[in-house]
Amino acid sequence: MLFAQLATVHGTTTMHCDQFALPLTIHSQDALVSWNKCVLAFLQHGSKTPDYLQATLSQDENFALAHAVRGLMLLLLAKRELVLEAHKSLRKAKEIARAIKQSKRELVYVDALEMWLEGRPSAAAACLEACNSNYPDDALMFKIGQAMRFILGHSSRMRQACEVIAPKQNIDLATHGYVLGCFAFSLEETGDYVRARSTGLAALERNPKDAWALHAVAHCYDMCGQSKEGILWLKNRRELFANCNNFSYHLWWHLALMHLDQGQYVEVLDLYDTKVRAEHTDDFRDISNAASLLLRLELEGIDVGARWQELTEISEHRLNDMSNMFASLHYLTSLLAGGEQTCVEQLQTCLSQFAHNTSDELGATAKLSALPEAYGLAHFSHGNYLSAYHYMAQARPNLIRIGGSHAQRDIFERIIIESALRAGLITECRSLLEDRRRYRGGDDHFGRTRLTACERMTEQLASPLYSSKMRTRSYGHSFGVGI
């Protein structure tokens, strides 16, 4: 029998076991069935996750854990208006916990939600990880913990959690493969590409529907400069994308990046229109996919037409949404590309004000990285390459704190490199390129072409015919074109 009912009773609520054989303070078998479906869907990045969660709460409105998880999931979406909803979930979960005794494990979810809402997301993640070490078979706790570390830019902590918890998990559980997929991603983000790829492939053998494991392996192809092989590998697994929520757009984005590296710009634009931006959502992850892909194309000299317009219109509604610094910077790039200077200035003002918020952990991130990066992006957009370089160089040591992956943040690496190159800072540009190559597993088209440009400029500097005009040469509209 999949769900064994326990004899232990707390108040009026009978304890059940979930699919990990972990006790739940839940009223009904129907709610339990929906809950288990919700957890599996979340691990798979399935589109029905919110439907299963809603069904669970409809079937048992006094299931505190589900309310807490709803709050955490809402915060992961990084929208200011959803924070109020997350507070409602917290209040409901605490109200139920006062009336009905909960297990310590279930209460940790409530505690983590409260910490995050207090502006302490790192403490919330640590709280989940400490509990998860004692309950390693709780794959949902594991996945949420990794998601939080990911948006905080804590790649090393993400890997540490995997190294502690994954070996303790029951390998016979169906969810063990999803844990391996998370492990693979943490290995990739900390530069262990060989082990990351083998772990990701092992995860896919366990669960062929594991989109996150597929994603981890795709990252390896990208970071190791194996775009040609990566294209074939991803194309052969396109059927998996149909099972995902909007995470499918991100997987298509990875395929587009590989075509970009191959110089196949027609294919990139087609993927943008038909897959990456097939639906004009306002999800920050979808916006970041789109904006960063258009920026990459423009850096290579490709005219992207009117594609910025809808991104700009959406970003205009996110000027004061400081839920996620990674998101804010991508809203900013869309506004810059759309020429919305007034909105750009308003967003920068909000960032500046938020940077003084010492009660919120993200305020420090705004101060150390997001704000100077925002100024740098604006100067780059206006052709002030020397100023752009200096602002972004100030942000760069702490830029990982905005969250996202190395592949996602690489757009900011490309822009600072381009800034140095266009400003004639050849030594600085070489240093940036060498550093980028070091943490990647191989070279790519962008790195090779910019290094060639550095060499060409060095030769020109040595020539008596060299003109200082080369230092201030403009390379195109908006975010410019490549060299």
Foldseek 3Di string as FASTA:
>chain_A
DQKDWDPDDWDPFTWIAANLRHTFRFHDPQLRVLVNVLLVCVLLQFACNVVSLVSSCVVTVLRLLSLLVVLLVLLLLQFPVSLVVSVVSLVSSVVSCVVTPTDPLSVLSSVLSVCVSQQRNVVSLVSLLVVCLVVLSPVSSLVSSLSSCQQQLNLVVQLVSLVRRLVPHDCPRLCNLSSLLSNLQSCVQQQVLVVSLVSLVVSCVSPVLRVSSVVSNLSSCVLQANLVVSLVVLVVSLVSLVRHHLVSLVSLLSNLSSCVLVVNVVVNLVSVCCRLPVDLDLRLVSLLSNQLSVLSCQQAVHDNDCVLPSLQVSLLVCLQRLSALLSLLSSLLSVLLVVVVVSLVSSLVNLVVLLPPPSHPCSVLSVQASNLQSVLLNCLQVLVLVSSLVSNVSRPVSNSSSGDGCVSCVSSLLLNLVSCLLQVVLVVNVVSLVVSSVSGSHDTNSSVQSPVSSVVSVVLVPDPPRDPVSNRDFADHGNHYHD
